[in-house]
C-alpha atoms as a PDB file:
ATOM      1  CA  UNK A   1     106.206 121.616 124.343  1.00  0.00           C
ATOM      2  CA  UNK A   2     107.663 119.789 127.337  1.00  0.00           C
ATOM      3  CA  UNK A   3     110.912 120.777 129.025  1.00  0.00           C
ATOM      4  CA  UNK A   4     112.992 118.360 131.110  1.00  0.00           C
ATOM      5  CA  UNK A   5     115.459 119.699 133.686  1.00  0.00           C
ATOM      6  CA  UNK A   6     117.716 117.720 136.021  1.00  0.00           C
ATOM      7  CA  UNK A   7     116.361 117.888 139.559  1.00  0.00           C
ATOM      8  CA  UNK A   8     118.678 116.944 142.433  1.00  0.00           C
ATOM      9  CA  UNK A   9     119.588 113.243 142.510  1.00  0.00           C
ATOM     10  CA  UNK A  10     121.010 111.430 139.470  1.00  0.00           C
ATOM     11  CA  UNK A  11     118.346 110.647 136.859  1.00  0.00           C
ATOM     12  CA  UNK A  12     115.629 112.706 138.560  1.00  0.00           C
ATOM     13  CA  UNK A  13     114.036 115.055 136.024  1.00  0.00           C
ATOM     14  CA  UNK A  14     111.444 117.775 136.424  1.00  0.00           C
ATOM     15  CA  UNK A  15     109.069 117.952 133.478  1.00  0.00           C
ATOM     16  CA  UNK A  16     107.071 121.064 132.684  1.00  0.00           C
ATOM     17  CA  UNK A  17     104.555 122.119 130.087  1.00  0.00           C
ATOM     18  CA  UNK A  18     104.681 125.708 131.356  1.00  0.00           C
ATOM     19  CA  UNK A  19     101.658 125.169 133.643  1.00  0.00           C
ATOM     20  CA  UNK A  20     102.238 121.899 135.518  1.00  0.00           C
ATOM     21  CA  UNK A  21     105.241 120.097 136.958  1.00  0.00           C
ATOM     22  CA  UNK A  22     105.862 116.346 137.094  1.00  0.00           C
ATOM     23  CA  UNK A  23     108.880 114.407 138.325  1.00  0.00           C
ATOM     24  CA  UNK A  24     110.347 111.426 136.524  1.00  0.00           C
ATOM     25  CA  UNK A  25     113.042 109.237 137.972  1.00  0.00           C
ATOM     26  CA  UNK A  26     114.645 105.842 137.495  1.00  0.00           C
ATOM     27  CA  UNK A  27     117.296 103.625 139.012  1.00  0.00           C
ATOM     28  CA  UNK A  28     120.228 102.124 137.154  1.00  0.00           C
ATOM     29  CA  UNK A  29     123.518 100.689 138.378  1.00  0.00           C
ATOM     30  CA  UNK A  30     122.826 101.763 141.970  1.00  0.00           C
ATOM     31  CA  UNK A  31     122.113 105.382 141.033  1.00  0.00           C
ATOM     32  CA  UNK A  32     118.848 107.268 140.875  1.00  0.00           C
ATOM     33  CA  UNK A  33     115.743 107.102 142.963  1.00  0.00           C
ATOM     34  CA  UNK A  34     111.997 106.900 143.001  1.00  0.00           C
ATOM     35  CA  UNK A  35     110.933 110.540 143.137  1.00  0.00           C
ATOM     36  CA  UNK A  36     108.591 110.095 140.182  1.00  0.00           C
ATOM     37  CA  UNK A  37     107.389 107.731 137.497  1.00  0.00           C
ATOM     38  CA  UNK A  38     109.908 106.040 135.240  1.00  0.00           C
ATOM     39  CA  UNK A  39     109.917 107.297 131.620  1.00  0.00           C
ATOM     40  CA  UNK A  40     108.066 104.244 130.260  1.00  0.00           C
ATOM     41  CA  UNK A  41     105.467 104.629 133.014  1.00  0.00           C
ATOM     42  CA  UNK A  42     104.903 108.198 131.822  1.00  0.00           C
ATOM     43  CA  UNK A  43     104.301 106.841 128.322  1.00  0.00           C
ATOM     44  CA  UNK A  44     101.802 104.297 129.680  1.00  0.00           C
ATOM     45  CA  UNK A  45     100.211 107.067 131.763  1.00  0.00           C
ATOM     46  CA  UNK A  46      99.726 109.271 128.715  1.00  0.00           C
ATOM     47  CA  UNK A  47      97.906 106.512 126.882  1.00  0.00           C
ATOM     48  CA  UNK A  48      95.795 105.510 129.900  1.00  0.00           C
ATOM     49  CA  UNK A  49      94.788 109.117 130.630  1.00  0.00           C
ATOM     50  CA  UNK A  50      93.879 109.815 127.009  1.00  0.00           C
ATOM     51  CA  UNK A  51      91.830 106.619 126.713  1.00  0.00           C
ATOM     52  CA  UNK A  52      89.964 107.396 129.945  1.00  0.00           C
ATOM     53  CA  UNK A  53      89.203 110.940 128.755  1.00  0.00           C
ATOM     54  CA  UNK A  54      88.130 109.601 125.343  1.00  0.00           C
ATOM     55  CA  UNK A  55      85.703 107.194 127.030  1.00  0.00           C
ATOM     56  CA  UNK A  56      84.203 110.111 128.980  1.00  0.00           C
ATOM     57  CA  UNK A  57      83.862 112.230 125.841  1.00  0.00           C
ATOM     58  CA  UNK A  58      82.321 109.387 123.817  1.00  0.00           C
ATOM     59  CA  UNK A  59      79.891 108.680 126.643  1.00  0.00           C
ATOM     60  CA  UNK A  60      78.831 112.338 126.753  1.00  0.00           C
ATOM     61  CA  UNK A  61      78.356 112.477 122.959  1.00  0.00           C
ATOM     62  CA  UNK A  62      76.207 109.334 123.099  1.00  0.00           C
ATOM     63  CA  UNK A  63      74.164 110.698 125.999  1.00  0.00           C
ATOM     64  CA  UNK A  64      74.965 107.482 127.838  1.00  0.00           C
ATOM     65  CA  UNK A  65      75.963 106.603 131.368  1.00  0.00           C
ATOM     66  CA  UNK A  66      78.680 103.991 131.744  1.00  0.00           C
ATOM     67  CA  UNK A  67      79.436 102.040 134.887  1.00  0.00           C
ATOM     68  CA  UNK A  68      82.627 103.255 136.575  1.00  0.00           C
ATOM     69  CA  UNK A  69      85.612 102.142 134.517  1.00  0.00           C
ATOM     70  CA  UNK A  70      89.341 102.080 135.227  1.00  0.00           C
ATOM     71  CA  UNK A  71      91.837 101.915 132.379  1.00  0.00           C
ATOM     72  CA  UNK A  72      95.011  99.890 132.843  1.00  0.00           C
ATOM     73  CA  UNK A  73      97.892 100.011 130.365  1.00  0.00           C
ATOM     74  CA  UNK A  74     101.033  97.923 130.338  1.00  0.00           C
ATOM     75  CA  UNK A  75     103.845  98.142 127.838  1.00  0.00           C
ATOM     76  CA  UNK A  76     105.391  95.081 126.214  1.00  0.00           C
ATOM     77  CA  UNK A  77     108.751  96.016 124.682  1.00  0.00           C
ATOM     78  CA  UNK A  78     110.035  93.421 122.222  1.00  0.00           C
ATOM     79  CA  UNK A  79     112.916  93.711 119.754  1.00  0.00           C
ATOM     80  CA  UNK A  80     110.546  93.773 116.764  1.00  0.00           C
ATOM     81  CA  UNK A  81     107.559  95.599 118.246  1.00  0.00           C
ATOM     82  CA  UNK A  82     106.335  97.588 121.203  1.00  0.00           C
ATOM     83  CA  UNK A  83     102.839  96.682 122.336  1.00  0.00           C
ATOM     84  CA  UNK A  84     100.496  98.489 124.667  1.00  0.00           C
ATOM     85  CA  UNK A  85      98.073  96.155 126.404  1.00  0.00           C
ATOM     86  CA  UNK A  86      94.907  97.987 127.418  1.00  0.00           C
ATOM     87  CA  UNK A  87      92.333  96.555 129.787  1.00  0.00           C
ATOM     88  CA  UNK A  88      89.089  98.167 130.892  1.00  0.00           C
ATOM     89  CA  UNK A  89      87.883  97.317 134.388  1.00  0.00           C
ATOM     90  CA  UNK A  90      84.182  98.058 134.893  1.00  0.00           C
ATOM     91  CA  UNK A  91      82.597  98.302 138.356  1.00  0.00           C
ATOM     92  CA  UNK A  92      79.589  96.393 136.990  1.00  0.00           C
ATOM     93  CA  UNK A  93      79.080  94.463 133.777  1.00  0.00           C
ATOM     94  CA  UNK A  94      78.637  96.869 130.846  1.00  0.00           C
ATOM     95  CA  UNK A  95      75.942  96.362 128.249  1.00  0.00           C
ATOM     96  CA  UNK A  96      77.136  95.304 124.777  1.00  0.00           C
ATOM     97  CA  UNK A  97      76.471  98.872 123.581  1.00  0.00           C
ATOM     98  CA  UNK A  98      78.547 100.351 126.418  1.00  0.00           C
ATOM     99  CA  UNK A  99      81.321  97.857 125.749  1.00  0.00           C
ATOM    100  CA  UNK A 100      81.355  98.784 122.054  1.00  0.00           C
ATOM    101  CA  UNK A 101      81.423 102.500 122.905  1.00  0.00           C
ATOM    102  CA  UNK A 102      84.390 102.000 125.254  1.00  0.00           C
ATOM    103  CA  UNK A 103      86.308  99.843 122.747  1.00  0.00           C
ATOM    104  CA  UNK A 104      85.835 102.452 120.036  1.00  0.00           C
ATOM    105  CA  UNK A 105      87.064 105.177 122.413  1.00  0.00           C
ATOM    106  CA  UNK A 106      90.211 103.110 123.064  1.00  0.00           C
ATOM    107  CA  UNK A 107      90.826 102.666 119.343  1.00  0.00           C
ATOM    108  CA  UNK A 108      90.251 106.322 118.441  1.00  0.00           C
ATOM    109  CA  UNK A 109      91.867 108.095 121.394  1.00  0.00           C
ATOM    110  CA  UNK A 110      94.361 110.688 120.133  1.00  0.00           C
ATOM    111  CA  UNK A 111      97.368 109.211 121.952  1.00  0.00           C
ATOM    112  CA  UNK A 112      96.497 105.692 120.735  1.00  0.00           C
ATOM    113  CA  UNK A 113      96.289 106.998 117.173  1.00  0.00           C
ATOM    114  CA  UNK A 114      99.638 108.800 117.582  1.00  0.00           C
ATOM    115  CA  UNK A 115     101.369 105.724 118.989  1.00  0.00           C
ATOM    116  CA  UNK A 116      99.851 103.569 116.244  1.00  0.00           C
ATOM    117  CA  UNK A 117     101.664 105.471 113.501  1.00  0.00           C
ATOM    118  CA  UNK A 118     105.325 105.151 112.551  1.00  0.00           C
ATOM    119  CA  UNK A 119     107.290 107.452 114.827  1.00  0.00           C
ATOM    120  CA  UNK A 120     110.427 109.393 113.914  1.00  0.00           C
ATOM    121  CA  UNK A 121     112.761 110.766 116.554  1.00  0.00           C
ATOM    122  CA  UNK A 122     114.494 113.650 114.839  1.00  0.00           C
ATOM    123  CA  UNK A 123     118.143 114.484 115.614  1.00  0.00           C
ATOM    124  CA  UNK A 124     118.599 116.821 118.542  1.00  0.00           C
ATOM    125  CA  UNK A 125     118.966 120.521 117.917  1.00  0.00           C
ATOM    126  CA  UNK A 126     121.812 121.972 119.982  1.00  0.00           C
ATOM    127  CA  UNK A 127     120.980 125.430 121.303  1.00  0.00           C
ATOM    128  CA  UNK A 128     123.110 127.637 123.546  1.00  0.00           C
ATOM    129  CA  UNK A 129     121.066 129.892 125.812  1.00  0.00           C
END
């Protein structure tokens, strides 16, 4: 569970999972700031982090050693579809086997699988504390 609480300036939000804190912020109509990542950047970050971790886990399971790799994710929001463009940047050219292992890790990462399914945003529950 993630909680989001207003933090200071307009649109600045503190996010917490009960162990860690992250700030998110945005600017609109002259309000807001840059105290943290914008909400869509957090979404991209979740996917990039999960893919990178999945590559590490797949590499360990295979008993392989991959060249250093950086994952980059950009979001392409269209009216009919939202796309996540993933690119893998290797420090040195990977072997075909390493490339296949990394591509499979991208495809099967838990966040990629979650985002690849239809998503329902359920109506908000209103709770007085």
